[in-house]
C-alpha atoms as a PDB file:
ATOM      1  CA  UNK A   1      73.889  97.312 196.619  1.00  0.00           C
ATOM      2  CA  UNK A   2      73.393  95.123 193.562  1.00  0.00           C
ATOM      3  CA  UNK A   3      74.088  98.111 191.302  1.00  0.00           C
ATOM      4  CA  UNK A   4      77.344  98.742 193.153  1.00  0.00           C
ATOM      5  CA  UNK A   5      78.276  95.074 192.831  1.00  0.00           C
ATOM      6  CA  UNK A   6      77.547  95.077 189.098  1.00  0.00           C
ATOM      7  CA  UNK A   7      79.666  98.235 188.745  1.00  0.00           C
ATOM      8  CA  UNK A   8      82.531  96.625 190.658  1.00  0.00           C
ATOM      9  CA  UNK A   9      82.325  93.517 188.484  1.00  0.00           C
ATOM     10  CA  UNK A  10      82.381  95.695 185.370  1.00  0.00           C
ATOM     11  CA  UNK A  11      85.489  97.495 186.584  1.00  0.00           C
ATOM     12  CA  UNK A  12      87.152  94.175 187.339  1.00  0.00           C
ATOM     13  CA  UNK A  13      86.340  92.995 183.832  1.00  0.00           C
ATOM     14  CA  UNK A  14      87.930  96.111 182.339  1.00  0.00           C
ATOM     15  CA  UNK A  15      91.035  95.634 184.469  1.00  0.00           C
ATOM     16  CA  UNK A  16      91.348  91.996 183.425  1.00  0.00           C
ATOM     17  CA  UNK A  17      90.905  92.891 179.765  1.00  0.00           C
ATOM     18  CA  UNK A  18      93.615  95.548 180.002  1.00  0.00           C
ATOM     19  CA  UNK A  19      96.044  93.174 181.683  1.00  0.00           C
ATOM     20  CA  UNK A  20      95.300  90.472 179.104  1.00  0.00           C
ATOM     21  CA  UNK A  21      96.598  92.758 176.374  1.00  0.00           C
ATOM     22  CA  UNK A  22     100.099  92.492 177.793  1.00  0.00           C
ATOM     23  CA  UNK A  23     101.858  89.628 176.062  1.00  0.00           C
ATOM     24  CA  UNK A  24     105.377  88.475 175.283  1.00  0.00           C
ATOM     25  CA  UNK A  25     106.611  85.459 173.307  1.00  0.00           C
ATOM     26  CA  UNK A  26     110.072  83.927 173.600  1.00  0.00           C
ATOM     27  CA  UNK A  27     111.638  81.724 170.917  1.00  0.00           C
ATOM     28  CA  UNK A  28     114.390  79.147 171.303  1.00  0.00           C
ATOM     29  CA  UNK A  29     116.235  80.243 168.137  1.00  0.00           C
ATOM     30  CA  UNK A  30     117.175  83.525 166.492  1.00  0.00           C
ATOM     31  CA  UNK A  31     114.681  85.057 164.074  1.00  0.00           C
ATOM     32  CA  UNK A  32     111.592  83.827 165.967  1.00  0.00           C
ATOM     33  CA  UNK A  33     112.176  80.179 165.123  1.00  0.00           C
ATOM     34  CA  UNK A  34     112.089  77.002 167.121  1.00  0.00           C
ATOM     35  CA  UNK A  35     110.123  76.245 170.237  1.00  0.00           C
ATOM     36  CA  UNK A  36     108.210  79.178 171.710  1.00  0.00           C
ATOM     37  CA  UNK A  37     106.738  80.207 175.031  1.00  0.00           C
ATOM     38  CA  UNK A  38     104.045  82.890 175.375  1.00  0.00           C
ATOM     39  CA  UNK A  39     102.924  84.524 178.604  1.00  0.00           C
ATOM     40  CA  UNK A  40     100.566  87.307 179.608  1.00  0.00           C
ATOM     41  CA  UNK A  41     101.661  87.286 183.236  1.00  0.00           C
ATOM     42  CA  UNK A  42     104.926  87.659 185.107  1.00  0.00           C
ATOM     43  CA  UNK A  43     107.055  84.522 185.372  1.00  0.00           C
ATOM     44  CA  UNK A  44     109.494  84.389 188.275  1.00  0.00           C
ATOM     45  CA  UNK A  45     111.127  81.125 187.199  1.00  0.00           C
ATOM     46  CA  UNK A  46     111.368  79.964 183.574  1.00  0.00           C
ATOM     47  CA  UNK A  47     112.423  76.546 184.849  1.00  0.00           C
ATOM     48  CA  UNK A  48     108.818  75.878 185.812  1.00  0.00           C
ATOM     49  CA  UNK A  49     107.759  76.146 182.162  1.00  0.00           C
ATOM     50  CA  UNK A  50     110.808  74.383 180.759  1.00  0.00           C
ATOM     51  CA  UNK A  51     112.296  77.493 179.157  1.00  0.00           C
ATOM     52  CA  UNK A  52     115.106  78.500 181.506  1.00  0.00           C
ATOM     53  CA  UNK A  53     118.172  79.868 179.665  1.00  0.00           C
ATOM     54  CA  UNK A  54     116.687  78.937 176.284  1.00  0.00           C
ATOM     55  CA  UNK A  55     115.344  82.183 174.796  1.00  0.00           C
ATOM     56  CA  UNK A  56     117.205  83.561 171.768  1.00  0.00           C
ATOM     57  CA  UNK A  57     114.610  85.949 170.306  1.00  0.00           C
ATOM     58  CA  UNK A  58     111.446  87.606 171.569  1.00  0.00           C
ATOM     59  CA  UNK A  59     108.334  89.427 170.385  1.00  0.00           C
ATOM     60  CA  UNK A  60     106.722  91.937 172.750  1.00  0.00           C
ATOM     61  CA  UNK A  61     103.116  92.235 171.600  1.00  0.00           C
ATOM     62  CA  UNK A  62     102.203  95.060 173.963  1.00  0.00           C
ATOM     63  CA  UNK A  63     103.333  96.989 177.013  1.00  0.00           C
ATOM     64  CA  UNK A  64     106.844  96.774 178.500  1.00  0.00           C
ATOM     65  CA  UNK A  65     108.495  93.727 179.981  1.00  0.00           C
ATOM     66  CA  UNK A  66     111.547  93.378 182.203  1.00  0.00           C
ATOM     67  CA  UNK A  67     113.635  90.286 181.452  1.00  0.00           C
ATOM     68  CA  UNK A  68     116.263  89.096 183.939  1.00  0.00           C
ATOM     69  CA  UNK A  69     119.188  86.669 183.962  1.00  0.00           C
ATOM     70  CA  UNK A  70     118.266  85.006 187.251  1.00  0.00           C
ATOM     71  CA  UNK A  71     115.047  83.673 188.734  1.00  0.00           C
ATOM     72  CA  UNK A  72     113.061  85.995 190.960  1.00  0.00           C
ATOM     73  CA  UNK A  73     113.878  89.016 188.731  1.00  0.00           C
ATOM     74  CA  UNK A  74     117.462  89.149 189.952  1.00  0.00           C
ATOM     75  CA  UNK A  75     120.784  89.514 188.194  1.00  0.00           C
ATOM     76  CA  UNK A  76     121.146  91.702 185.131  1.00  0.00           C
ATOM     77  CA  UNK A  77     117.748  92.963 183.927  1.00  0.00           C
ATOM     78  CA  UNK A  78     116.672  95.057 180.927  1.00  0.00           C
ATOM     79  CA  UNK A  79     113.319  96.441 179.851  1.00  0.00           C
ATOM     80  CA  UNK A  80     111.951  95.531 176.418  1.00  0.00           C
ATOM     81  CA  UNK A  81     109.587  97.827 174.554  1.00  0.00           C
ATOM     82  CA  UNK A  82     106.845  96.655 172.207  1.00  0.00           C
ATOM     83  CA  UNK A  83     108.322  95.177 169.057  1.00  0.00           C
ATOM     84  CA  UNK A  84     110.439  92.362 167.683  1.00  0.00           C
ATOM     85  CA  UNK A  85     113.905  91.420 168.924  1.00  0.00           C
ATOM     86  CA  UNK A  86     115.305  88.871 166.423  1.00  0.00           C
ATOM     87  CA  UNK A  87     118.412  88.158 168.518  1.00  0.00           C
ATOM     88  CA  UNK A  88     118.853  88.474 172.270  1.00  0.00           C
ATOM     89  CA  UNK A  89     122.604  88.143 171.716  1.00  0.00           C
ATOM     90  CA  UNK A  90     122.532  91.813 170.675  1.00  0.00           C
ATOM     91  CA  UNK A  91     121.686  92.747 174.267  1.00  0.00           C
ATOM     92  CA  UNK A  92     123.828  90.061 175.915  1.00  0.00           C
ATOM     93  CA  UNK A  93     120.944  87.822 176.983  1.00  0.00           C
ATOM     94  CA  UNK A  94     121.048  84.961 174.490  1.00  0.00           C
ATOM     95  CA  UNK A  95     120.108  81.736 176.329  1.00  0.00           C
ATOM     96  CA  UNK A  96     120.309  83.643 179.621  1.00  0.00           C
ATOM     97  CA  UNK A  97     116.733  84.700 180.450  1.00  0.00           C
ATOM     98  CA  UNK A  98     115.349  83.112 183.629  1.00  0.00           C
ATOM     99  CA  UNK A  99     112.466  85.416 184.627  1.00  0.00           C
ATOM    100  CA  UNK A 100     110.225  88.122 183.175  1.00  0.00           C
ATOM    101  CA  UNK A 101     107.643  90.536 184.535  1.00  0.00           C
ATOM    102  CA  UNK A 102     105.448  93.318 183.247  1.00  0.00           C
ATOM    103  CA  UNK A 103     106.335  96.953 183.855  1.00  0.00           C
ATOM    104  CA  UNK A 104     103.491  99.150 185.069  1.00  0.00           C
ATOM    105  CA  UNK A 105     102.347 101.579 182.402  1.00  0.00           C
ATOM    106  CA  UNK A 106     102.881 104.565 184.692  1.00  0.00           C
ATOM    107  CA  UNK A 107     106.282 103.360 185.931  1.00  0.00           C
ATOM    108  CA  UNK A 108     109.289 105.525 185.084  1.00  0.00           C
ATOM    109  CA  UNK A 109     112.308 103.658 183.751  1.00  0.00           C
ATOM    110  CA  UNK A 110     115.781 105.129 183.377  1.00  0.00           C
ATOM    111  CA  UNK A 111     117.052 105.208 179.804  1.00  0.00           C
ATOM    112  CA  UNK A 112     120.070 103.060 180.645  1.00  0.00           C
ATOM    113  CA  UNK A 113     117.749 100.302 181.887  1.00  0.00           C
ATOM    114  CA  UNK A 114     116.091  99.881 178.476  1.00  0.00           C
ATOM    115  CA  UNK A 115     117.354  97.433 175.872  1.00  0.00           C
ATOM    116  CA  UNK A 116     118.219  98.997 172.482  1.00  0.00           C
ATOM    117  CA  UNK A 117     115.061  99.828 170.491  1.00  0.00           C
ATOM    118  CA  UNK A 118     113.539  96.822 168.698  1.00  0.00           C
ATOM    119  CA  UNK A 119     114.407  96.323 165.044  1.00  0.00           C
ATOM    120  CA  UNK A 120     110.713  96.160 164.131  1.00  0.00           C
ATOM    121  CA  UNK A 121     108.143  97.768 166.396  1.00  0.00           C
ATOM    122  CA  UNK A 122     105.041  95.988 165.077  1.00  0.00           C
ATOM    123  CA  UNK A 123     103.599  92.512 165.610  1.00  0.00           C
ATOM    124  CA  UNK A 124     102.949  90.884 162.232  1.00  0.00           C
ATOM    125  CA  UNK A 125     101.758  87.522 163.508  1.00  0.00           C
ATOM    126  CA  UNK A 126      98.493  86.136 162.156  1.00  0.00           C
ATOM    127  CA  UNK A 127      95.393  86.693 164.235  1.00  0.00           C
ATOM    128  CA  UNK A 128      92.865  83.936 164.727  1.00  0.00           C
ATOM    129  CA  UNK A 129      90.437  83.330 161.816  1.00  0.00           C
ATOM    130  CA  UNK A 130      92.030  86.023 159.660  1.00  0.00           C
ATOM    131  CA  UNK A 131      91.734  85.612 155.904  1.00  0.00           C
ATOM    132  CA  UNK A 132      95.105  86.075 154.257  1.00  0.00           C
ATOM    133  CA  UNK A 133      96.207  87.287 150.825  1.00  0.00           C
ATOM    134  CA  UNK A 134      99.440  87.648 148.862  1.00  0.00           C
ATOM    135  CA  UNK A 135     100.511  91.184 147.893  1.00  0.00           C
ATOM    136  CA  UNK A 136     103.280  91.844 145.329  1.00  0.00           C
ATOM    137  CA  UNK A 137     106.483  93.471 146.556  1.00  0.00           C
ATOM    138  CA  UNK A 138     107.457  96.537 144.522  1.00  0.00           C
ATOM    139  CA  UNK A 139     110.736  97.556 146.192  1.00  0.00           C
ATOM    140  CA  UNK A 140     113.153  96.417 148.905  1.00  0.00           C
ATOM    141  CA  UNK A 141     115.875  98.487 150.602  1.00  0.00           C
ATOM    142  CA  UNK A 142     118.381  97.006 153.025  1.00  0.00           C
ATOM    143  CA  UNK A 143     119.007  99.422 155.898  1.00  0.00           C
ATOM    144  CA  UNK A 144     122.425  99.069 157.510  1.00  0.00           C
ATOM    145  CA  UNK A 145     123.718 100.606 160.680  1.00  0.00           C
ATOM    146  CA  UNK A 146     126.000 103.664 160.982  1.00  0.00           C
ATOM    147  CA  UNK A 147     129.635 103.437 159.821  1.00  0.00           C
ATOM    148  CA  UNK A 148     131.933 101.409 162.031  1.00  0.00           C
ATOM    149  CA  UNK A 149     135.128 102.785 163.548  1.00  0.00           C
ATOM    150  CA  UNK A 150     138.318 100.899 162.711  1.00  0.00           C
ATOM    151  CA  UNK A 151     141.314 101.607 164.927  1.00  0.00           C
ATOM    152  CA  UNK A 152     144.951 100.546 164.873  1.00  0.00           C
ATOM    153  CA  UNK A 153     148.274 101.375 166.559  1.00  0.00           C
ATOM    154  CA  UNK A 154     151.312 102.541 164.653  1.00  0.00           C
ATOM    155  CA  UNK A 155     154.774 103.671 165.742  1.00  0.00           C
ATOM    156  CA  UNK A 156     155.556 107.297 165.003  1.00  0.00           C
ATOM    157  CA  UNK A 157     158.311 109.764 165.835  1.00  0.00           C
ATOM    158  CA  UNK A 158     157.051 112.713 167.826  1.00  0.00           C
ATOM    159  CA  UNK A 159     158.747 115.709 169.391  1.00  0.00           C
ATOM    160  CA  UNK A 160     158.376 116.531 173.053  1.00  0.00           C
ATOM    161  CA  UNK A 161     159.442 119.553 175.103  1.00  0.00           C
ATOM    162  CA  UNK A 162     162.321 118.913 177.514  1.00  0.00           C
ATOM    163  CA  UNK A 163     162.055 122.284 179.210  1.00  0.00           C
ATOM    164  CA  UNK A 164     165.368 124.208 178.990  1.00  0.00           C
ATOM    165  CA  UNK A 165     167.289 122.088 176.508  1.00  0.00           C
ATOM    166  CA  UNK A 166     170.531 123.980 177.256  1.00  0.00           C
ATOM    167  CA  UNK A 167     170.864 122.580 180.796  1.00  0.00           C
ATOM    168  CA  UNK A 168     171.378 118.890 179.887  1.00  0.00           C
ATOM    169  CA  UNK A 169     173.689 119.975 177.042  1.00  0.00           C
ATOM    170  CA  UNK A 170     175.746 122.170 179.369  1.00  0.00           C
ATOM    171  CA  UNK A 171     176.137 119.381 181.923  1.00  0.00           C
ATOM    172  CA  UNK A 172     177.150 116.910 179.221  1.00  0.00           C
ATOM    173  CA  UNK A 173     179.612 119.437 177.728  1.00  0.00           C
ATOM    174  CA  UNK A 174     181.113 120.248 181.133  1.00  0.00           C
ATOM    175  CA  UNK A 175     181.794 116.581 181.837  1.00  0.00           C
ATOM    176  CA  UNK A 176     183.469 116.012 178.464  1.00  0.00           C
ATOM    177  CA  UNK A 177     185.391 119.323 178.708  1.00  0.00           C
ATOM    178  CA  UNK A 178     186.618 118.457 182.192  1.00  0.00           C
ATOM    179  CA  UNK A 179     187.908 115.102 181.048  1.00  0.00           C
ATOM    180  CA  UNK A 180     189.826 116.645 178.175  1.00  0.00           C
ATOM    181  CA  UNK A 181     191.181 119.496 180.352  1.00  0.00           C
ATOM    182  CA  UNK A 182     192.396 117.072 182.979  1.00  0.00           C
ATOM    183  CA  UNK A 183     194.745 115.529 180.422  1.00  0.00           C
ATOM    184  CA  UNK A 184     196.552 118.846 179.876  1.00  0.00           C
ATOM    185  CA  UNK A 185     199.423 120.003 182.166  1.00  0.00           C
ATOM    186  CA  UNK A 186     200.235 118.844 185.649  1.00  0.00           C
ATOM    187  CA  UNK A 187     199.870 119.984 189.272  1.00  0.00           C
ATOM    188  CA  UNK A 188     198.237 123.391 189.576  1.00  0.00           C
ATOM    189  CA  UNK A 189     198.186 123.701 185.805  1.00  0.00           C
ATOM    190  CA  UNK A 190     196.298 120.480 185.608  1.00  0.00           C
ATOM    191  CA  UNK A 191     193.595 121.793 187.930  1.00  0.00           C
ATOM    192  CA  UNK A 192     193.292 125.016 185.937  1.00  0.00           C
ATOM    193  CA  UNK A 193     193.105 123.099 182.694  1.00  0.00           C
ATOM    194  CA  UNK A 194     190.379 120.854 184.120  1.00  0.00           C
ATOM    195  CA  UNK A 195     188.317 123.864 185.257  1.00  0.00           C
ATOM    196  CA  UNK A 196     188.835 125.605 181.948  1.00  0.00           C
ATOM    197  CA  UNK A 197     187.872 122.525 179.970  1.00  0.00           C
ATOM    198  CA  UNK A 198     184.680 122.116 182.011  1.00  0.00           C
ATOM    199  CA  UNK A 199     183.687 125.748 181.450  1.00  0.00           C
ATOM    200  CA  UNK A 200     184.361 125.549 177.729  1.00  0.00           C
ATOM    201  CA  UNK A 201     182.504 122.264 177.463  1.00  0.00           C
ATOM    202  CA  UNK A 202     179.512 123.740 179.246  1.00  0.00           C
ATOM    203  CA  UNK A 203     179.335 126.571 176.712  1.00  0.00           C
ATOM    204  CA  UNK A 204     179.501 124.144 173.787  1.00  0.00           C
ATOM    205  CA  UNK A 205     176.912 121.838 175.344  1.00  0.00           C
ATOM    206  CA  UNK A 206     174.613 124.763 176.007  1.00  0.00           C
ATOM    207  CA  UNK A 207     174.799 125.761 172.359  1.00  0.00           C
ATOM    208  CA  UNK A 208     173.965 122.189 171.314  1.00  0.00           C
ATOM    209  CA  UNK A 209     170.824 122.272 173.461  1.00  0.00           C
ATOM    210  CA  UNK A 210     169.915 125.684 172.053  1.00  0.00           C
ATOM    211  CA  UNK A 211     170.150 124.410 168.490  1.00  0.00           C
ATOM    212  CA  UNK A 212     167.539 121.763 169.206  1.00  0.00           C
ATOM    213  CA  UNK A 213     165.203 124.332 170.713  1.00  0.00           C
ATOM    214  CA  UNK A 214     164.749 122.412 173.953  1.00  0.00           C
ATOM    215  CA  UNK A 215     162.902 119.569 172.202  1.00  0.00           C
ATOM    216  CA  UNK A 216     163.744 115.941 171.562  1.00  0.00           C
ATOM    217  CA  UNK A 217     162.414 113.323 169.163  1.00  0.00           C
ATOM    218  CA  UNK A 218     161.103 110.060 170.604  1.00  0.00           C
ATOM    219  CA  UNK A 219     159.271 107.051 169.150  1.00  0.00           C
ATOM    220  CA  UNK A 220     155.844 106.265 170.545  1.00  0.00           C
ATOM    221  CA  UNK A 221     152.823 104.049 169.824  1.00  0.00           C
ATOM    222  CA  UNK A 222     150.068 106.265 168.376  1.00  0.00           C
ATOM    223  CA  UNK A 223     146.425 105.096 168.150  1.00  0.00           C
ATOM    224  CA  UNK A 224     144.616 106.113 164.978  1.00  0.00           C
ATOM    225  CA  UNK A 225     140.973 105.568 163.941  1.00  0.00           C
ATOM    226  CA  UNK A 226     138.845 106.003 160.841  1.00  0.00           C
ATOM    227  CA  UNK A 227     135.211 105.417 159.936  1.00  0.00           C
ATOM    228  CA  UNK A 228     134.536 102.657 157.420  1.00  0.00           C
ATOM    229  CA  UNK A 229     131.240 101.410 155.941  1.00  0.00           C
ATOM    230  CA  UNK A 230     129.475  98.877 158.128  1.00  0.00           C
ATOM    231  CA  UNK A 231     130.175  95.299 157.082  1.00  0.00           C
ATOM    232  CA  UNK A 232     127.497  93.887 159.347  1.00  0.00           C
ATOM    233  CA  UNK A 233     124.211  92.333 158.300  1.00  0.00           C
ATOM    234  CA  UNK A 234     121.509  94.950 157.528  1.00  0.00           C
ATOM    235  CA  UNK A 235     119.535  96.058 160.565  1.00  0.00           C
ATOM    236  CA  UNK A 236     116.282  95.525 158.664  1.00  0.00           C
ATOM    237  CA  UNK A 237     114.716  95.560 155.206  1.00  0.00           C
ATOM    238  CA  UNK A 238     112.347  98.382 154.250  1.00  0.00           C
ATOM    239  CA  UNK A 239     109.723  96.827 151.971  1.00  0.00           C
ATOM    240  CA  UNK A 240     107.104  98.474 149.765  1.00  0.00           C
ATOM    241  CA  UNK A 241     104.145  96.475 148.438  1.00  0.00           C
ATOM    242  CA  UNK A 242     100.746  97.137 146.867  1.00  0.00           C
ATOM    243  CA  UNK A 243      97.371  95.701 147.820  1.00  0.00           C
ATOM    244  CA  UNK A 244      94.054  96.569 146.204  1.00  0.00           C
ATOM    245  CA  UNK A 245      95.533  99.587 144.493  1.00  0.00           C
ATOM    246  CA  UNK A 246      97.139 101.068 147.613  1.00  0.00           C
ATOM    247  CA  UNK A 247     100.850 101.250 148.493  1.00  0.00           C
ATOM    248  CA  UNK A 248     102.014  99.968 151.872  1.00  0.00           C
ATOM    249  CA  UNK A 249     105.364  99.777 153.666  1.00  0.00           C
ATOM    250  CA  UNK A 250     106.743  97.529 156.359  1.00  0.00           C
ATOM    251  CA  UNK A 251     110.050  96.612 157.958  1.00  0.00           C
ATOM    252  CA  UNK A 252     111.263  93.028 158.096  1.00  0.00           C
ATOM    253  CA  UNK A 253     114.158  91.358 159.864  1.00  0.00           C
ATOM    254  CA  UNK A 254     114.826  89.196 156.779  1.00  0.00           C
ATOM    255  CA  UNK A 255     114.595  89.912 153.032  1.00  0.00           C
ATOM    256  CA  UNK A 256     111.134  89.130 151.558  1.00  0.00           C
ATOM    257  CA  UNK A 257     110.233  87.107 148.499  1.00  0.00           C
ATOM    258  CA  UNK A 258     108.249  88.374 145.546  1.00  0.00           C
ATOM    259  CA  UNK A 259     105.126  88.719 147.683  1.00  0.00           C
ATOM    260  CA  UNK A 260     104.211  89.357 151.305  1.00  0.00           C
ATOM    261  CA  UNK A 261     101.276  87.939 153.225  1.00  0.00           C
ATOM    262  CA  UNK A 262      98.623  90.457 154.326  1.00  0.00           C
ATOM    263  CA  UNK A 263      95.134  90.428 155.793  1.00  0.00           C
ATOM    264  CA  UNK A 264      92.038  91.890 154.158  1.00  0.00           C
ATOM    265  CA  UNK A 265      93.047  95.388 155.287  1.00  0.00           C
ATOM    266  CA  UNK A 266      96.496  95.071 153.746  1.00  0.00           C
ATOM    267  CA  UNK A 267      98.248  94.690 157.105  1.00  0.00           C
ATOM    268  CA  UNK A 268     101.286  92.394 156.916  1.00  0.00           C
ATOM    269  CA  UNK A 269     101.145  88.995 158.514  1.00  0.00           C
ATOM    270  CA  UNK A 270     103.961  86.544 159.115  1.00  0.00           C
END
């Protein structure tokens, strides 16, 4: 019985250790600045910890977390993967997060429920009692997003098919021909002249429609687009540095200085 109890306690310890790995940190300002709030457990109401509608950036240390606009995991919610999100405005949640909860590791999440992938998918924060060093930066490349699409509206003359273009022309010609024919002669002759003028006008009008091929020119608003280079801030900076004779790379959300801070294994630390 004692052996079973010890085994159960051991399993509980493993479960607690696994759950403790899940961690998320919210920051009051963009770029992981300002006041912060870290949790390893679900929080149904950020008001209880004084952080309601204050988060502007977030670092997901491990696992997946669902952040929601309203308390009790209600309102608009998105799932964050492990990584760094320097601005929650990019996903429409700046100063709007009111609750957060972990997502089970075996839970299936629809793609449209995920936030866009994090800019940087590693946690570079310093661990406790780590010894830090400065490593020289050898190259920096700013990585920008795909080209942007610029659109505008311009007025342009376009041709459109009117069907049988001879019919409107014939009707118009018949009316004009009838008017002219009615002015010729009198009595019965007047009637004949009117009929004759209408018939002749119809023939002329039909020929006018035929000349235009049954098409007419109209002016319309036409939307046009073109791809232009992105003018936005770079998505991230790809940095190469050396430490103890070895070359390393990392991605940063801001341009580095001449050196980067690393631990004794050359892993970057912020």
